[in-house]
Amino acid sequence: MSEPPQQADPSQGSAPREPEPPPEVVALAEARAAARAQRTFDRADELRDELAAAGWAVRDEPGGGFALTPMAPEVDGSDDRRDEPAVDVSLHWVCEGWPGDIDRAIAGFRAHAGSWTMQFVVADVTGQRRGRWGADVEVVSLPPGTGWATARNTGLERNRGAIVLVLDGSVEPVGDVVTPLAAALADPQVGFAGPFGLVTTDLRRFDEAPGPGPCDALEGYLIAMRREVLERVGGADERFRWYRNADIEWSFRVKDAGLRTEVVEVPVTTHEHRAWASTSLEDRERLSRRNFNRFLDRWRDRWDLVLAGEPARGAGPPSGAR
């Protein structure tokens, strides 16, 4: 049997008590705990989404228990700054752990900023101290358990840049990254630009693009776009609680808007991608396949968006592979 939701300790002083979850929310959390115990993880994820839709984040505890917290994002500043005078470029990370990786990335961008004015934004779901990244970094604090795409979009709501960079902490700049991306985005037909491109011939398997130029999708480790493209196409699909394949779906929405996704060489070093490395092989396959099926639900027959066009033979079953 699952442990009851954790309550605040009255001995901790006058800190305000969080609201108690209603019985129907507790019932959802208990059903999710039971699904996890039975290793029916897809059902457990569906129940987590239902809890999020009801406004509650669930955190798994040792021994099969759980804790519930209301999803009330705490943001540095209550105003929406999108209408303020724009900086040149706004850089966005999601912190799901490993804040030192983001330290390294921000330090690299600071070192190679040149004349570009920059805004740094971190959407944090780990409770890291806001001051660790410096006074020039805006931190959007989100409850543990917030999905990757929701966290990404919440950070993007703070955007004030004419150019927007979506980044992962595994990517470290070792030179001027912004200038070549800005040059590519000067073409109004380019929607997404970045160094990590993908191509496909069957809409089932995506492989690394051979070099600079048009591609079928961009990997989300580093994607640049103009501000108006973000406003036109929107952010990541919030059904994607894990990052894998969300970038492919996002890229196809950009192409569906009549724009190109373009591979651009930039001076970066890549380090271990922690979210991938820290996830078990079983969970990698399960989460990747589920996200890839979400992609296929909408785009499985859109051969007009694939550089190679429609294949002569039918494609095989989805594998979730990249």
Foldseek 3Di string as FASTA:
>chain_A
DADFADWDDPVPPDPDTADDDDPVLRVLLVVLLVCVVVVVNVVNVVSQVVSVVVQWHWDADPPSYIHIGGWDKDWDDDDQCQPPAAFAEEEEEEPPDDVVLVLQQVVQCVVAVPPGDYAAEYQYQDPDDPPPNHPRYTYIYTHHRQFPQVSRQVRCSNHRHQKYKQAYSQKHAPHHFVVQVVVVQVPVQAAKEEAWAWADQALFAIDTDPGWFFHLFGQRNIIMGGPVSCVVQPTFDSVQSDRQPSRNLSQLSSVVVRHTYTHTDHGIDGHDRVVVVVDDPVVVQVSLQVSSVVSCVPCNPVQVSHPNGHDPDHDDDHRSYD
